[in-house]
Amino acid sequence: MKKMILVSKITCPKCGYQQEETMPDNACWYYYQCNACHAWLKPLSGDCCVFCSFGTVKCPPVQLGENCCD
């Protein structure tokens, strides 16, 4: 069985600030507010959540090869 990574570092595309966050394994984060510039991030087209778009690690369902938030 594949080990899931639950910590990802989100990088704000507006200011470059990085924040380490623990991902939930039972929900998606569709919106995320940068702690530095306070910009609201949302997934890029084709991605299911902010972790898949701006994180160093994809969300848990994607790590397992599943569709996120079905």
C-alpha atoms as a PDB file:
ATOM      1  CA  MET A   1       0.000   0.000   0.000  1.00  0.00           C
ATOM      2  CA  LYS A   2       1.256   3.455  -0.925  1.00  0.00           C
ATOM      3  CA  LYS A   3       2.126   5.773   1.977  1.00  0.00           C
ATOM      4  CA  MET A   4       0.248   9.061   1.855  1.00  0.00           C
ATOM      5  CA  ILE A   5       2.085  12.326   2.514  1.00  0.00           C
ATOM      6  CA  LEU A   6      -0.111  14.787   4.397  1.00  0.00           C
ATOM      7  CA  VAL A   7       2.173  17.837   4.551  1.00  0.00           C
ATOM      8  CA  SER A   8       2.635  20.141   1.573  1.00  0.00           C
ATOM      9  CA  LYS A   9       4.250  23.552   1.204  1.00  0.00           C
ATOM     10  CA  ILE A  10       2.020  25.989  -0.674  1.00  0.00           C
ATOM     11  CA  THR A  11       3.786  28.744  -2.635  1.00  0.00           C
ATOM     12  CA  CYS A  12       1.781  31.882  -3.345  1.00  0.00           C
ATOM     13  CA  PRO A  13       2.044  32.759  -7.054  1.00  0.00           C
ATOM     14  CA  LYS A  14       1.447  36.444  -6.249  1.00  0.00           C
ATOM     15  CA  CYS A  15       4.235  37.085  -3.709  1.00  0.00           C
ATOM     16  CA  GLY A  16       6.240  33.852  -3.499  1.00  0.00           C
ATOM     17  CA  TYR A  17       5.553  33.284   0.206  1.00  0.00           C
ATOM     18  CA  GLN A  18       5.673  29.634   1.236  1.00  0.00           C
ATOM     19  CA  GLN A  19       3.603  28.089   4.002  1.00  0.00           C
ATOM     20  CA  GLU A  20       3.651  24.471   5.118  1.00  0.00           C
ATOM     21  CA  GLU A  21       0.146  23.076   5.609  1.00  0.00           C
ATOM     22  CA  THR A  22      -1.247  19.730   6.710  1.00  0.00           C
ATOM     23  CA  MET A  23      -3.706  18.419   4.152  1.00  0.00           C
ATOM     24  CA  PRO A  24      -6.981  16.863   5.249  1.00  0.00           C
ATOM     25  CA  ASP A  25      -7.510  13.349   3.948  1.00  0.00           C
ATOM     26  CA  ASN A  26     -11.291  13.765   3.847  1.00  0.00           C
ATOM     27  CA  ALA A  27     -11.840  17.180   2.223  1.00  0.00           C
ATOM     28  CA  CYS A  28     -10.466  19.520  -0.448  1.00  0.00           C
ATOM     29  CA  TRP A  29      -9.160  23.024  -0.083  1.00  0.00           C
ATOM     30  CA  TYR A  30     -10.548  24.844  -3.062  1.00  0.00           C
ATOM     31  CA  TYR A  31      -9.647  28.275  -1.652  1.00  0.00           C
ATOM     32  CA  TYR A  32      -6.567  29.292   0.303  1.00  0.00           C
ATOM     33  CA  GLN A  33      -5.538  32.715   1.604  1.00  0.00           C
ATOM     34  CA  CYS A  34      -1.846  33.595   1.561  1.00  0.00           C
ATOM     35  CA  ASN A  35      -0.611  34.526   5.029  1.00  0.00           C
ATOM     36  CA  ALA A  36       1.716  37.213   3.634  1.00  0.00           C
ATOM     37  CA  CYS A  37      -0.114  39.155   0.896  1.00  0.00           C
ATOM     38  CA  HIS A  38      -3.629  37.853   1.738  1.00  0.00           C
ATOM     39  CA  ALA A  39      -4.375  36.947  -1.884  1.00  0.00           C
ATOM     40  CA  TRP A  40      -7.016  34.258  -2.308  1.00  0.00           C
ATOM     41  CA  LEU A  41      -5.758  31.293  -4.309  1.00  0.00           C
ATOM     42  CA  LYS A  42      -7.925  28.814  -6.149  1.00  0.00           C
ATOM     43  CA  PRO A  43      -6.905  25.804  -8.245  1.00  0.00           C
ATOM     44  CA  LEU A  44      -5.555  26.301 -11.734  1.00  0.00           C
ATOM     45  CA  SER A  45      -7.615  24.929 -14.589  1.00  0.00           C
ATOM     46  CA  GLY A  46      -7.449  21.137 -14.571  1.00  0.00           C
ATOM     47  CA  ASP A  47      -6.436  20.860 -10.903  1.00  0.00           C
ATOM     48  CA  CYS A  48      -8.821  19.819  -8.144  1.00  0.00           C
ATOM     49  CA  CYS A  49      -7.447  21.859  -5.220  1.00  0.00           C
ATOM     50  CA  VAL A  50      -4.842  24.420  -4.161  1.00  0.00           C
ATOM     51  CA  PHE A  51      -2.435  21.657  -3.095  1.00  0.00           C
ATOM     52  CA  CYS A  52      -2.421  20.229  -6.623  1.00  0.00           C
ATOM     53  CA  SER A  53      -1.818  23.685  -8.118  1.00  0.00           C
ATOM     54  CA  PHE A  54       0.549  25.362  -5.656  1.00  0.00           C
ATOM     55  CA  GLY A  55       1.783  22.681  -3.256  1.00  0.00           C
ATOM     56  CA  THR A  56       4.953  20.627  -3.179  1.00  0.00           C
ATOM     57  CA  VAL A  57       2.807  17.500  -2.711  1.00  0.00           C
ATOM     58  CA  LYS A  58      -0.481  16.694  -4.463  1.00  0.00           C
ATOM     59  CA  CYS A  59      -3.612  16.076  -2.368  1.00  0.00           C
ATOM     60  CA  PRO A  60      -4.152  12.618  -0.795  1.00  0.00           C
ATOM     61  CA  PRO A  61      -6.721  11.314  -3.327  1.00  0.00           C
ATOM     62  CA  VAL A  62      -4.477  12.262  -6.270  1.00  0.00           C
ATOM     63  CA  GLN A  63      -1.501  10.623  -4.515  1.00  0.00           C
ATOM     64  CA  LEU A  64      -3.561   7.421  -4.410  1.00  0.00           C
ATOM     65  CA  GLY A  65      -4.483   7.698  -8.079  1.00  0.00           C
ATOM     66  CA  GLU A  66      -8.103   8.622  -7.390  1.00  0.00           C
ATOM     67  CA  ASN A  67     -10.245  11.555  -8.414  1.00  0.00           C
ATOM     68  CA  CYS A  68     -10.261  14.269  -5.815  1.00  0.00           C
ATOM     69  CA  CYS A  69     -13.530  15.321  -4.200  1.00  0.00           C
ATOM     70  CA  ASP A  70     -15.873  13.026  -6.106  1.00  0.00           C
END
